[in-house]
Amino acid sequence: ACDRTLSLALHDHGLLYSNQSGEGIDKDVADELIRRSGCKFSVSVIPRARIWQLIESGALDFSLSGISNEAREQFAGFAWYFSNKYYLLVRKDAGVRQLADFEDNPALKLGVIRSFRYSPTANRLVDTLDAERRVSYSTSLGPLYQILLDNRVQAMIIEPFDNPALENAKLREQTTVLEFDDPAVPHGLIMSKKALSPAQQQAWRTLIDDMRADGTMQRIFEKYFAPDLARTMTRF
Protein backbone atom coordinates (compact mmCIF):
# COMPACT_ATOMS: atom_id res chain seq x y z
CA ALA A 1 0.00 0.00 0.00
CA CYS A 2 1.53 3.31 -1.14
CA ASP A 3 -0.85 5.90 0.23
CA ARG A 4 1.91 8.47 0.79
CA THR A 5 5.39 9.38 -0.42
CA LEU A 6 7.89 7.16 1.38
CA SER A 7 11.28 8.40 2.56
CA LEU A 8 14.59 6.60 2.01
CA ALA A 9 18.08 7.80 2.95
CA LEU A 10 21.41 6.73 1.47
CA HIS A 11 24.75 7.40 3.15
CA ASP A 12 28.05 8.24 1.47
CA HIS A 13 30.22 5.15 1.90
CA GLY A 14 32.55 3.73 -0.74
CA LEU A 15 30.87 1.43 -3.24
CA LEU A 16 27.55 1.54 -1.36
CA TYR A 17 26.99 5.12 -2.47
CA SER A 18 29.23 7.92 -3.65
CA ASN A 19 28.14 11.54 -3.32
CA GLN A 20 30.65 12.37 -6.05
CA SER A 21 29.31 10.02 -8.72
CA GLY A 22 25.73 9.62 -7.48
CA GLU A 23 26.13 5.87 -7.97
CA GLY A 24 26.56 2.77 -5.84
CA ILE A 25 25.10 -0.55 -4.76
CA ASP A 26 22.55 0.95 -2.39
CA LYS A 27 21.40 3.41 -5.08
CA ASP A 28 20.86 0.49 -7.47
CA VAL A 29 18.97 -1.48 -4.81
CA ALA A 30 16.82 1.57 -4.01
CA ASP A 31 16.03 2.14 -7.70
CA GLU A 32 14.92 -1.49 -8.06
CA LEU A 33 12.79 -1.33 -4.90
CA ILE A 34 11.08 1.79 -6.21
CA ARG A 35 10.54 0.24 -9.66
CA ARG A 36 9.08 -3.02 -8.34
CA SER A 37 6.88 -1.46 -5.68
CA GLY A 38 5.50 1.33 -7.84
CA CYS A 39 5.58 3.58 -4.77
CA LYS A 40 6.64 7.21 -4.73
CA PHE A 41 9.84 7.87 -2.79
CA SER A 42 11.75 10.86 -1.53
CA VAL A 43 15.45 9.86 -1.56
CA SER A 44 18.08 11.82 0.36
CA VAL A 45 21.70 11.42 1.46
CA ILE A 46 22.26 11.72 5.22
CA PRO A 47 25.13 10.86 7.61
CA ARG A 48 24.73 7.40 9.10
CA ALA A 49 24.36 8.54 12.72
CA ARG A 50 21.47 10.83 11.73
CA ILE A 51 19.81 8.04 9.74
CA TRP A 52 19.51 5.85 12.84
CA GLN A 53 18.02 8.75 14.82
CA LEU A 54 15.40 9.40 12.12
CA ILE A 55 14.54 5.71 11.77
CA GLU A 56 14.01 5.47 15.54
CA SER A 57 11.76 8.54 15.64
CA GLY A 58 9.70 7.41 12.63
CA ALA A 59 10.68 10.49 10.61
CA LEU A 60 12.44 8.24 8.06
CA ASP A 61 10.88 5.10 6.59
CA PHE A 62 13.89 3.31 5.07
CA SER A 63 17.61 3.15 4.70
CA LEU A 64 19.94 0.49 3.31
CA SER A 65 22.91 -1.73 4.20
CA GLY A 66 22.16 -1.70 7.92
CA ILE A 67 23.24 -4.26 10.49
CA SER A 68 21.28 -5.16 13.59
CA ASN A 69 21.99 -5.27 17.29
CA GLU A 70 19.82 -5.54 20.38
CA ALA A 71 19.24 -1.79 20.65
CA ARG A 72 18.33 -1.37 16.97
CA GLU A 73 15.89 -4.29 17.06
CA GLN A 74 13.71 -2.19 19.36
CA PHE A 75 12.93 0.36 16.65
CA ALA A 76 13.99 -1.11 13.28
CA GLY A 77 13.05 -4.09 11.14
CA PHE A 78 15.46 -5.56 8.59
CA ALA A 79 15.34 -7.35 5.23
CA TRP A 80 18.72 -8.97 4.61
CA TYR A 81 20.29 -8.78 1.15
CA PHE A 82 24.04 -9.25 1.63
CA SER A 83 26.65 -10.35 4.13
CA ASN A 84 30.31 -9.38 4.51
CA LYS A 85 33.36 -9.55 6.77
CA TYR A 86 35.34 -6.72 8.37
CA TYR A 87 39.07 -5.98 8.40
CA LEU A 88 41.52 -3.79 10.26
CA LEU A 89 43.49 -1.48 7.98
CA VAL A 90 46.62 -0.67 10.00
CA ARG A 91 49.74 1.39 9.39
CA LYS A 92 52.80 -0.76 8.73
CA ASP A 93 54.93 1.41 11.01
CA ALA A 94 52.61 0.72 13.96
CA GLY A 95 54.35 -2.61 14.54
CA VAL A 96 51.08 -4.56 14.61
CA ARG A 97 51.13 -8.19 13.46
CA GLN A 98 47.91 -9.30 15.15
CA LEU A 99 44.87 -7.59 16.65
CA ALA A 100 46.11 -8.01 20.23
CA ASP A 101 49.21 -5.97 19.37
CA PHE A 102 47.03 -3.00 18.53
CA GLU A 103 44.78 -3.29 21.57
CA ASP A 104 47.72 -3.70 23.97
CA ASN A 105 49.63 -0.61 22.80
CA PRO A 106 48.16 2.51 24.49
CA ALA A 107 49.92 4.78 21.97
CA LEU A 108 47.82 3.48 19.07
CA LYS A 109 44.49 5.04 18.10
CA LEU A 110 41.61 3.78 15.95
CA GLY A 111 39.48 5.76 13.49
CA VAL A 112 35.81 4.82 12.98
CA ILE A 113 32.65 6.29 11.49
CA ARG A 114 30.25 7.55 14.12
CA SER A 115 27.36 5.14 14.88
CA PHE A 116 28.85 2.31 12.78
CA ARG A 117 28.76 -1.19 14.24
CA TYR A 118 30.71 -4.12 12.88
CA SER A 119 31.31 -7.81 13.67
CA PRO A 120 31.56 -8.95 17.34
CA THR A 121 35.37 -8.83 17.63
CA ALA A 122 35.54 -5.47 15.84
CA ASN A 123 32.79 -4.05 18.09
CA ARG A 124 34.62 -5.25 21.18
CA LEU A 125 37.81 -3.54 19.96
CA VAL A 126 35.98 -0.26 19.30
CA ASP A 127 34.23 -0.32 22.70
CA THR A 128 37.43 -1.17 24.59
CA LEU A 129 39.45 1.55 22.88
CA ASP A 130 36.63 4.08 23.21
CA ALA A 131 36.63 3.54 26.98
CA GLU A 132 40.37 4.31 26.88
CA ARG A 133 39.80 7.42 24.72
CA ARG A 134 41.71 5.87 21.86
CA VAL A 135 39.00 6.28 19.18
CA SER A 136 38.68 9.16 16.72
CA TYR A 137 35.24 9.52 15.11
CA SER A 138 34.26 10.81 11.67
CA THR A 139 31.02 11.12 9.72
CA SER A 140 32.47 9.50 6.57
CA LEU A 141 35.38 7.49 5.17
CA GLY A 142 37.35 10.26 3.45
CA PRO A 143 38.52 12.06 6.61
CA LEU A 144 39.46 8.72 8.20
CA TYR A 145 41.82 7.86 5.34
CA GLN A 146 43.44 11.28 5.68
CA ILE A 147 44.06 11.08 9.43
CA LEU A 148 45.40 7.54 8.91
CA LEU A 149 47.89 8.84 6.33
CA ASP A 150 48.74 11.72 8.68
CA ASN A 151 49.42 9.18 11.46
CA ARG A 152 46.85 10.80 13.75
CA VAL A 153 45.22 7.36 13.96
CA GLN A 154 47.08 4.14 13.27
CA ALA A 155 44.19 1.94 12.06
CA MET A 156 40.60 1.95 10.84
CA ILE A 157 37.97 -0.71 10.23
CA ILE A 158 37.12 -1.44 6.60
CA GLU A 159 34.87 -3.73 4.55
CA PRO A 160 34.78 -4.76 0.86
CA PHE A 161 32.95 -1.55 -0.15
CA ASP A 162 36.06 0.40 0.80
CA ASN A 163 38.32 -1.50 -1.62
CA PRO A 164 38.68 1.23 -4.28
CA ALA A 165 40.39 3.53 -1.77
CA LEU A 166 43.02 0.85 -1.17
CA GLU A 167 44.16 1.33 -4.78
CA ASN A 168 45.58 4.69 -3.69
CA ALA A 169 49.35 4.13 -3.95
CA LYS A 170 50.23 6.09 -0.82
CA LEU A 171 47.65 4.26 1.27
CA ARG A 172 48.67 0.87 -0.10
CA GLU A 173 52.36 1.52 0.62
CA GLN A 174 51.77 2.59 4.21
CA THR A 175 49.17 0.03 5.36
CA THR A 176 48.46 -3.64 5.75
CA VAL A 177 45.18 -5.52 6.32
CA LEU A 178 44.34 -7.84 9.24
CA GLU A 179 41.15 -9.94 9.24
CA PHE A 180 38.79 -10.12 12.20
CA ASP A 181 38.17 -13.79 12.95
CA ASP A 182 34.38 -13.40 12.79
CA PRO A 183 31.71 -14.80 10.48
CA ALA A 184 30.25 -12.53 7.80
CA VAL A 185 27.63 -10.08 9.13
CA PRO A 186 24.20 -9.75 7.43
CA HIS A 187 23.25 -6.29 6.12
CA GLY A 188 19.81 -5.26 4.98
CA LEU A 189 17.06 -2.81 4.21
CA ILE A 190 16.33 -0.84 7.41
CA MET A 191 12.64 -0.23 8.15
CA SER A 192 11.29 2.09 10.84
CA LYS A 193 8.93 0.19 13.15
CA LYS A 194 7.31 3.48 14.13
CA ALA A 195 6.54 4.40 10.51
CA LEU A 196 5.72 0.96 9.03
CA SER A 197 3.37 -1.70 10.36
CA PRO A 198 4.52 -5.33 10.75
CA ALA A 199 2.50 -6.25 7.65
CA GLN A 200 4.12 -3.45 5.62
CA GLN A 201 7.58 -4.52 6.80
CA GLN A 202 6.86 -8.09 5.71
CA ALA A 203 5.77 -6.92 2.26
CA TRP A 204 9.09 -5.10 1.76
CA ARG A 205 10.97 -8.09 3.16
CA THR A 206 9.27 -10.28 0.56
CA LEU A 207 10.27 -7.85 -2.19
CA ILE A 208 13.92 -8.00 -1.09
CA ASP A 209 13.73 -11.82 -0.89
CA ASP A 210 12.38 -11.89 -4.45
CA MET A 211 15.30 -9.77 -5.65
CA ARG A 212 17.71 -12.26 -4.11
CA ALA A 213 15.84 -15.30 -5.41
CA ASP A 214 15.65 -14.15 -9.04
CA GLY A 215 19.33 -13.15 -9.18
CA THR A 216 18.75 -9.39 -9.36
CA MET A 217 20.68 -8.71 -6.16
CA GLN A 218 23.67 -10.75 -7.31
CA ARG A 219 23.68 -8.95 -10.67
CA ILE A 220 23.75 -5.58 -8.88
CA PHE A 221 26.75 -6.67 -6.82
CA GLU A 222 28.51 -8.02 -9.92
CA LYS A 223 28.64 -4.44 -11.26
CA TYR A 224 31.01 -3.63 -8.40
CA PHE A 225 32.73 -6.89 -7.43
CA ALA A 226 34.20 -9.97 -9.08
CA PRO A 227 31.48 -12.62 -9.68
CA ASP A 228 32.76 -14.98 -6.97
CA LEU A 229 32.73 -12.29 -4.30
CA ALA A 230 29.33 -10.98 -5.45
CA ARG A 231 27.94 -14.51 -5.18
CA THR A 232 29.43 -15.05 -1.72
CA MET A 233 28.06 -11.75 -0.43
CA THR A 234 24.51 -12.19 -1.75
CA ARG A 235 24.05 -15.94 -1.18
CA PHE A 236 24.21 -16.61 2.54
C-alpha atoms as a PDB file:
ATOM      1  CA  ALA A   1       0.000   0.000   0.000  1.00  0.00           C
ATOM      2  CA  CYS A   2       1.533   3.308  -1.139  1.00  0.00           C
ATOM      3  CA  ASP A   3      -0.848   5.905   0.227  1.00  0.00           C
ATOM      4  CA  ARG A   4       1.907   8.475   0.792  1.00  0.00           C
ATOM      5  CA  THR A   5       5.390   9.381  -0.421  1.00  0.00           C
ATOM      6  CA  LEU A   6       7.888   7.164   1.378  1.00  0.00           C
ATOM      7  CA  SER A   7      11.285   8.399   2.556  1.00  0.00           C
ATOM      8  CA  LEU A   8      14.593   6.600   2.013  1.00  0.00           C
ATOM      9  CA  ALA A   9      18.078   7.796   2.951  1.00  0.00           C
ATOM     10  CA  LEU A  10      21.410   6.729   1.473  1.00  0.00           C
ATOM     11  CA  HIS A  11      24.754   7.397   3.153  1.00  0.00           C
ATOM     12  CA  ASP A  12      28.051   8.236   1.466  1.00  0.00           C
ATOM     13  CA  HIS A  13      30.222   5.147   1.903  1.00  0.00           C
ATOM     14  CA  GLY A  14      32.545   3.731  -0.741  1.00  0.00           C
ATOM     15  CA  LEU A  15      30.872   1.425  -3.244  1.00  0.00           C
ATOM     16  CA  LEU A  16      27.555   1.540  -1.364  1.00  0.00           C
ATOM     17  CA  TYR A  17      26.986   5.123  -2.468  1.00  0.00           C
ATOM     18  CA  SER A  18      29.227   7.922  -3.650  1.00  0.00           C
ATOM     19  CA  ASN A  19      28.143  11.539  -3.324  1.00  0.00           C
ATOM     20  CA  GLN A  20      30.649  12.370  -6.048  1.00  0.00           C
ATOM     21  CA  SER A  21      29.307  10.022  -8.715  1.00  0.00           C
ATOM     22  CA  GLY A  22      25.726   9.622  -7.478  1.00  0.00           C
ATOM     23  CA  GLU A  23      26.132   5.870  -7.966  1.00  0.00           C
ATOM     24  CA  GLY A  24      26.555   2.768  -5.845  1.00  0.00           C
ATOM     25  CA  ILE A  25      25.103  -0.554  -4.761  1.00  0.00           C
ATOM     26  CA  ASP A  26      22.548   0.946  -2.393  1.00  0.00           C
ATOM     27  CA  LYS A  27      21.397   3.411  -5.079  1.00  0.00           C
ATOM     28  CA  ASP A  28      20.856   0.494  -7.469  1.00  0.00           C
ATOM     29  CA  VAL A  29      18.968  -1.481  -4.815  1.00  0.00           C
ATOM     30  CA  ALA A  30      16.815   1.566  -4.008  1.00  0.00           C
ATOM     31  CA  ASP A  31      16.031   2.136  -7.695  1.00  0.00           C
ATOM     32  CA  GLU A  32      14.916  -1.489  -8.065  1.00  0.00           C
ATOM     33  CA  LEU A  33      12.786  -1.332  -4.899  1.00  0.00           C
ATOM     34  CA  ILE A  34      11.081   1.792  -6.212  1.00  0.00           C
ATOM     35  CA  ARG A  35      10.540   0.243  -9.657  1.00  0.00           C
ATOM     36  CA  ARG A  36       9.084  -3.018  -8.340  1.00  0.00           C
ATOM     37  CA  SER A  37       6.881  -1.458  -5.684  1.00  0.00           C
ATOM     38  CA  GLY A  38       5.496   1.333  -7.845  1.00  0.00           C
ATOM     39  CA  CYS A  39       5.584   3.577  -4.765  1.00  0.00           C
ATOM     40  CA  LYS A  40       6.640   7.210  -4.733  1.00  0.00           C
ATOM     41  CA  PHE A  41       9.839   7.869  -2.790  1.00  0.00           C
ATOM     42  CA  SER A  42      11.748  10.861  -1.533  1.00  0.00           C
ATOM     43  CA  VAL A  43      15.446   9.858  -1.563  1.00  0.00           C
ATOM     44  CA  SER A  44      18.079  11.820   0.362  1.00  0.00           C
ATOM     45  CA  VAL A  45      21.705  11.421   1.457  1.00  0.00           C
ATOM     46  CA  ILE A  46      22.261  11.723   5.222  1.00  0.00           C
ATOM     47  CA  PRO A  47      25.128  10.864   7.611  1.00  0.00           C
ATOM     48  CA  ARG A  48      24.725   7.397   9.099  1.00  0.00           C
ATOM     49  CA  ALA A  49      24.360   8.544  12.718  1.00  0.00           C
ATOM     50  CA  ARG A  50      21.474  10.833  11.733  1.00  0.00           C
ATOM     51  CA  ILE A  51      19.806   8.040   9.735  1.00  0.00           C
ATOM     52  CA  TRP A  52      19.509   5.846  12.842  1.00  0.00           C
ATOM     53  CA  GLN A  53      18.017   8.750  14.818  1.00  0.00           C
ATOM     54  CA  LEU A  54      15.399   9.402  12.124  1.00  0.00           C
ATOM     55  CA  ILE A  55      14.541   5.706  11.773  1.00  0.00           C
ATOM     56  CA  GLU A  56      14.008   5.468  15.536  1.00  0.00           C
ATOM     57  CA  SER A  57      11.758   8.539  15.643  1.00  0.00           C
ATOM     58  CA  GLY A  58       9.704   7.412  12.631  1.00  0.00           C
ATOM     59  CA  ALA A  59      10.679  10.487  10.611  1.00  0.00           C
ATOM     60  CA  LEU A  60      12.440   8.237   8.057  1.00  0.00           C
ATOM     61  CA  ASP A  61      10.881   5.095   6.588  1.00  0.00           C
ATOM     62  CA  PHE A  62      13.887   3.314   5.067  1.00  0.00           C
ATOM     63  CA  SER A  63      17.615   3.154   4.701  1.00  0.00           C
ATOM     64  CA  LEU A  64      19.935   0.487   3.308  1.00  0.00           C
ATOM     65  CA  SER A  65      22.907  -1.734   4.202  1.00  0.00           C
ATOM     66  CA  GLY A  66      22.158  -1.695   7.921  1.00  0.00           C
ATOM     67  CA  ILE A  67      23.242  -4.264  10.490  1.00  0.00           C
ATOM     68  CA  SER A  68      21.282  -5.162  13.593  1.00  0.00           C
ATOM     69  CA  ASN A  69      21.992  -5.270  17.288  1.00  0.00           C
ATOM     70  CA  GLU A  70      19.825  -5.536  20.381  1.00  0.00           C
ATOM     71  CA  ALA A  71      19.241  -1.795  20.648  1.00  0.00           C
ATOM     72  CA  ARG A  72      18.327  -1.368  16.972  1.00  0.00           C
ATOM     73  CA  GLU A  73      15.894  -4.289  17.057  1.00  0.00           C
ATOM     74  CA  GLN A  74      13.705  -2.191  19.359  1.00  0.00           C
ATOM     75  CA  PHE A  75      12.934   0.364  16.653  1.00  0.00           C
ATOM     76  CA  ALA A  76      13.987  -1.107  13.284  1.00  0.00           C
ATOM     77  CA  GLY A  77      13.055  -4.091  11.141  1.00  0.00           C
ATOM     78  CA  PHE A  78      15.464  -5.556   8.593  1.00  0.00           C
ATOM     79  CA  ALA A  79      15.339  -7.351   5.235  1.00  0.00           C
ATOM     80  CA  TRP A  80      18.720  -8.970   4.612  1.00  0.00           C
ATOM     81  CA  TYR A  81      20.295  -8.785   1.155  1.00  0.00           C
ATOM     82  CA  PHE A  82      24.044  -9.251   1.627  1.00  0.00           C
ATOM     83  CA  SER A  83      26.650 -10.353   4.128  1.00  0.00           C
ATOM     84  CA  ASN A  84      30.306  -9.384   4.510  1.00  0.00           C
ATOM     85  CA  LYS A  85      33.361  -9.555   6.768  1.00  0.00           C
ATOM     86  CA  TYR A  86      35.335  -6.717   8.368  1.00  0.00           C
ATOM     87  CA  TYR A  87      39.066  -5.985   8.396  1.00  0.00           C
ATOM     88  CA  LEU A  88      41.522  -3.787  10.260  1.00  0.00           C
ATOM     89  CA  LEU A  89      43.492  -1.478   7.976  1.00  0.00           C
ATOM     90  CA  VAL A  90      46.620  -0.665  10.001  1.00  0.00           C
ATOM     91  CA  ARG A  91      49.739   1.389   9.387  1.00  0.00           C
ATOM     92  CA  LYS A  92      52.801  -0.756   8.730  1.00  0.00           C
ATOM     93  CA  ASP A  93      54.928   1.408  11.007  1.00  0.00           C
ATOM     94  CA  ALA A  94      52.611   0.721  13.963  1.00  0.00           C
ATOM     95  CA  GLY A  95      54.353  -2.609  14.539  1.00  0.00           C
ATOM     96  CA  VAL A  96      51.082  -4.563  14.610  1.00  0.00           C
ATOM     97  CA  ARG A  97      51.125  -8.187  13.464  1.00  0.00           C
ATOM     98  CA  GLN A  98      47.910  -9.304  15.154  1.00  0.00           C
ATOM     99  CA  LEU A  99      44.866  -7.594  16.651  1.00  0.00           C
ATOM    100  CA  ALA A 100      46.110  -8.011  20.225  1.00  0.00           C
ATOM    101  CA  ASP A 101      49.213  -5.975  19.367  1.00  0.00           C
ATOM    102  CA  PHE A 102      47.028  -2.999  18.525  1.00  0.00           C
ATOM    103  CA  GLU A 103      44.779  -3.293  21.573  1.00  0.00           C
ATOM    104  CA  ASP A 104      47.720  -3.705  23.969  1.00  0.00           C
ATOM    105  CA  ASN A 105      49.627  -0.608  22.803  1.00  0.00           C
ATOM    106  CA  PRO A 106      48.156   2.513  24.487  1.00  0.00           C
ATOM    107  CA  ALA A 107      49.917   4.780  21.971  1.00  0.00           C
ATOM    108  CA  LEU A 108      47.820   3.475  19.071  1.00  0.00           C
ATOM    109  CA  LYS A 109      44.486   5.045  18.098  1.00  0.00           C
ATOM    110  CA  LEU A 110      41.615   3.782  15.954  1.00  0.00           C
ATOM    111  CA  GLY A 111      39.480   5.760  13.493  1.00  0.00           C
ATOM    112  CA  VAL A 112      35.810   4.816  12.979  1.00  0.00           C
ATOM    113  CA  ILE A 113      32.654   6.293  11.485  1.00  0.00           C
ATOM    114  CA  ARG A 114      30.252   7.551  14.125  1.00  0.00           C
ATOM    115  CA  SER A 115      27.357   5.136  14.884  1.00  0.00           C
ATOM    116  CA  PHE A 116      28.852   2.312  12.785  1.00  0.00           C
ATOM    117  CA  ARG A 117      28.762  -1.190  14.236  1.00  0.00           C
ATOM    118  CA  TYR A 118      30.713  -4.124  12.882  1.00  0.00           C
ATOM    119  CA  SER A 119      31.309  -7.806  13.669  1.00  0.00           C
ATOM    120  CA  PRO A 120      31.559  -8.955  17.336  1.00  0.00           C
ATOM    121  CA  THR A 121      35.367  -8.828  17.635  1.00  0.00           C
ATOM    122  CA  ALA A 122      35.540  -5.466  15.838  1.00  0.00           C
ATOM    123  CA  ASN A 123      32.789  -4.055  18.086  1.00  0.00           C
ATOM    124  CA  ARG A 124      34.623  -5.248  21.184  1.00  0.00           C
ATOM    125  CA  LEU A 125      37.808  -3.537  19.960  1.00  0.00           C
ATOM    126  CA  VAL A 126      35.977  -0.262  19.302  1.00  0.00           C
ATOM    127  CA  ASP A 127      34.230  -0.320  22.698  1.00  0.00           C
ATOM    128  CA  THR A 128      37.433  -1.174  24.585  1.00  0.00           C
ATOM    129  CA  LEU A 129      39.449   1.550  22.881  1.00  0.00           C
ATOM    130  CA  ASP A 130      36.627   4.077  23.209  1.00  0.00           C
ATOM    131  CA  ALA A 131      36.633   3.536  26.976  1.00  0.00           C
ATOM    132  CA  GLU A 132      40.374   4.309  26.882  1.00  0.00           C
ATOM    133  CA  ARG A 133      39.796   7.424  24.724  1.00  0.00           C
ATOM    134  CA  ARG A 134      41.707   5.873  21.864  1.00  0.00           C
ATOM    135  CA  VAL A 135      38.997   6.279  19.181  1.00  0.00           C
ATOM    136  CA  SER A 136      38.681   9.156  16.718  1.00  0.00           C
ATOM    137  CA  TYR A 137      35.244   9.517  15.115  1.00  0.00           C
ATOM    138  CA  SER A 138      34.263  10.808  11.674  1.00  0.00           C
ATOM    139  CA  THR A 139      31.015  11.115   9.716  1.00  0.00           C
ATOM    140  CA  SER A 140      32.474   9.500   6.566  1.00  0.00           C
ATOM    141  CA  LEU A 141      35.383   7.493   5.165  1.00  0.00           C
ATOM    142  CA  GLY A 142      37.347  10.262   3.455  1.00  0.00           C
ATOM    143  CA  PRO A 143      38.520  12.063   6.609  1.00  0.00           C
ATOM    144  CA  LEU A 144      39.463   8.722   8.198  1.00  0.00           C
ATOM    145  CA  TYR A 145      41.819   7.857   5.338  1.00  0.00           C
ATOM    146  CA  GLN A 146      43.435  11.276   5.680  1.00  0.00           C
ATOM    147  CA  ILE A 147      44.065  11.081   9.430  1.00  0.00           C
ATOM    148  CA  LEU A 148      45.401   7.540   8.914  1.00  0.00           C
ATOM    149  CA  LEU A 149      47.886   8.838   6.334  1.00  0.00           C
ATOM    150  CA  ASP A 150      48.744  11.725   8.682  1.00  0.00           C
ATOM    151  CA  ASN A 151      49.417   9.180  11.463  1.00  0.00           C
ATOM    152  CA  ARG A 152      46.846  10.802  13.750  1.00  0.00           C
ATOM    153  CA  VAL A 153      45.224   7.365  13.960  1.00  0.00           C
ATOM    154  CA  GLN A 154      47.078   4.143  13.270  1.00  0.00           C
ATOM    155  CA  ALA A 155      44.195   1.944  12.059  1.00  0.00           C
ATOM    156  CA  MET A 156      40.603   1.948  10.838  1.00  0.00           C
ATOM    157  CA  ILE A 157      37.968  -0.710  10.234  1.00  0.00           C
ATOM    158  CA  ILE A 158      37.115  -1.440   6.596  1.00  0.00           C
ATOM    159  CA  GLU A 159      34.874  -3.733   4.549  1.00  0.00           C
ATOM    160  CA  PRO A 160      34.780  -4.763   0.857  1.00  0.00           C
ATOM    161  CA  PHE A 161      32.953  -1.551  -0.152  1.00  0.00           C
ATOM    162  CA  ASP A 162      36.058   0.404   0.798  1.00  0.00           C
ATOM    163  CA  ASN A 163      38.325  -1.504  -1.616  1.00  0.00           C
ATOM    164  CA  PRO A 164      38.680   1.235  -4.282  1.00  0.00           C
ATOM    165  CA  ALA A 165      40.390   3.530  -1.775  1.00  0.00           C
ATOM    166  CA  LEU A 166      43.019   0.851  -1.167  1.00  0.00           C
ATOM    167  CA  GLU A 167      44.164   1.327  -4.775  1.00  0.00           C
ATOM    168  CA  ASN A 168      45.583   4.689  -3.692  1.00  0.00           C
ATOM    169  CA  ALA A 169      49.353   4.133  -3.947  1.00  0.00           C
ATOM    170  CA  LYS A 170      50.234   6.093  -0.818  1.00  0.00           C
ATOM    171  CA  LEU A 171      47.647   4.259   1.266  1.00  0.00           C
ATOM    172  CA  ARG A 172      48.671   0.872  -0.103  1.00  0.00           C
ATOM    173  CA  GLU A 173      52.357   1.517   0.619  1.00  0.00           C
ATOM    174  CA  GLN A 174      51.767   2.585   4.211  1.00  0.00           C
ATOM    175  CA  THR A 175      49.173   0.034   5.359  1.00  0.00           C
ATOM    176  CA  THR A 176      48.456  -3.644   5.747  1.00  0.00           C
ATOM    177  CA  VAL A 177      45.181  -5.524   6.320  1.00  0.00           C
ATOM    178  CA  LEU A 178      44.342  -7.842   9.235  1.00  0.00           C
ATOM    179  CA  GLU A 179      41.151  -9.936   9.242  1.00  0.00           C
ATOM    180  CA  PHE A 180      38.792 -10.122  12.205  1.00  0.00           C
ATOM    181  CA  ASP A 181      38.175 -13.791  12.946  1.00  0.00           C
ATOM    182  CA  ASP A 182      34.379 -13.399  12.791  1.00  0.00           C
ATOM    183  CA  PRO A 183      31.706 -14.802  10.476  1.00  0.00           C
ATOM    184  CA  ALA A 184      30.248 -12.526   7.799  1.00  0.00           C
ATOM    185  CA  VAL A 185      27.630 -10.077   9.131  1.00  0.00           C
ATOM    186  CA  PRO A 186      24.200  -9.749   7.432  1.00  0.00           C
ATOM    187  CA  HIS A 187      23.249  -6.288   6.124  1.00  0.00           C
ATOM    188  CA  GLY A 188      19.815  -5.264   4.983  1.00  0.00           C
ATOM    189  CA  LEU A 189      17.059  -2.811   4.214  1.00  0.00           C
ATOM    190  CA  ILE A 190      16.334  -0.843   7.410  1.00  0.00           C
ATOM    191  CA  MET A 191      12.639  -0.233   8.147  1.00  0.00           C
ATOM    192  CA  SER A 192      11.292   2.087  10.840  1.00  0.00           C
ATOM    193  CA  LYS A 193       8.932   0.193  13.146  1.00  0.00           C
ATOM    194  CA  LYS A 194       7.310   3.479  14.128  1.00  0.00           C
ATOM    195  CA  ALA A 195       6.544   4.403  10.510  1.00  0.00           C
ATOM    196  CA  LEU A 196       5.719   0.957   9.029  1.00  0.00           C
ATOM    197  CA  SER A 197       3.365  -1.703  10.356  1.00  0.00           C
ATOM    198  CA  PRO A 198       4.519  -5.326  10.752  1.00  0.00           C
ATOM    199  CA  ALA A 199       2.499  -6.253   7.651  1.00  0.00           C
ATOM    200  CA  GLN A 200       4.124  -3.454   5.621  1.00  0.00           C
ATOM    201  CA  GLN A 201       7.577  -4.520   6.800  1.00  0.00           C
ATOM    202  CA  GLN A 202       6.862  -8.095   5.712  1.00  0.00           C
ATOM    203  CA  ALA A 203       5.771  -6.925   2.265  1.00  0.00           C
ATOM    204  CA  TRP A 204       9.086  -5.102   1.762  1.00  0.00           C
ATOM    205  CA  ARG A 205      10.966  -8.093   3.161  1.00  0.00           C
ATOM    206  CA  THR A 206       9.270 -10.277   0.559  1.00  0.00           C
ATOM    207  CA  LEU A 207      10.266  -7.846  -2.188  1.00  0.00           C
ATOM    208  CA  ILE A 208      13.924  -8.004  -1.086  1.00  0.00           C
ATOM    209  CA  ASP A 209      13.734 -11.820  -0.894  1.00  0.00           C
ATOM    210  CA  ASP A 210      12.375 -11.891  -4.454  1.00  0.00           C
ATOM    211  CA  MET A 211      15.304  -9.765  -5.654  1.00  0.00           C
ATOM    212  CA  ARG A 212      17.709 -12.258  -4.107  1.00  0.00           C
ATOM    213  CA  ALA A 213      15.840 -15.303  -5.412  1.00  0.00           C
ATOM    214  CA  ASP A 214      15.655 -14.154  -9.036  1.00  0.00           C
ATOM    215  CA  GLY A 215      19.330 -13.151  -9.183  1.00  0.00           C
ATOM    216  CA  THR A 216      18.753  -9.386  -9.355  1.00  0.00           C
ATOM    217  CA  MET A 217      20.683  -8.706  -6.159  1.00  0.00           C
ATOM    218  CA  GLN A 218      23.673 -10.748  -7.309  1.00  0.00           C
ATOM    219  CA  ARG A 219      23.683  -8.945 -10.672  1.00  0.00           C
ATOM    220  CA  ILE A 220      23.751  -5.578  -8.885  1.00  0.00           C
ATOM    221  CA  PHE A 221      26.748  -6.674  -6.817  1.00  0.00           C
ATOM    222  CA  GLU A 222      28.514  -8.017  -9.921  1.00  0.00           C
ATOM    223  CA  LYS A 223      28.639  -4.443 -11.262  1.00  0.00           C
ATOM    224  CA  TYR A 224      31.007  -3.628  -8.397  1.00  0.00           C
ATOM    225  CA  PHE A 225      32.731  -6.887  -7.433  1.00  0.00           C
ATOM    226  CA  ALA A 226      34.196  -9.974  -9.079  1.00  0.00           C
ATOM    227  CA  PRO A 227      31.481 -12.619  -9.682  1.00  0.00           C
ATOM    228  CA  ASP A 228      32.761 -14.985  -6.974  1.00  0.00           C
ATOM    229  CA  LEU A 229      32.733 -12.288  -4.295  1.00  0.00           C
ATOM    230  CA  ALA A 230      29.333 -10.985  -5.446  1.00  0.00           C
ATOM    231  CA  ARG A 231      27.936 -14.514  -5.183  1.00  0.00           C
ATOM    232  CA  THR A 232      29.432 -15.053  -1.717  1.00  0.00           C
ATOM    233  CA  MET A 233      28.056 -11.749  -0.433  1.00  0.00           C
ATOM    234  CA  THR A 234      24.507 -12.188  -1.749  1.00  0.00           C
ATOM    235  CA  ARG A 235      24.051 -15.945  -1.184  1.00  0.00           C
ATOM    236  CA  PHE A 236      24.211 -16.613   2.539  1.00  0.00           C
END
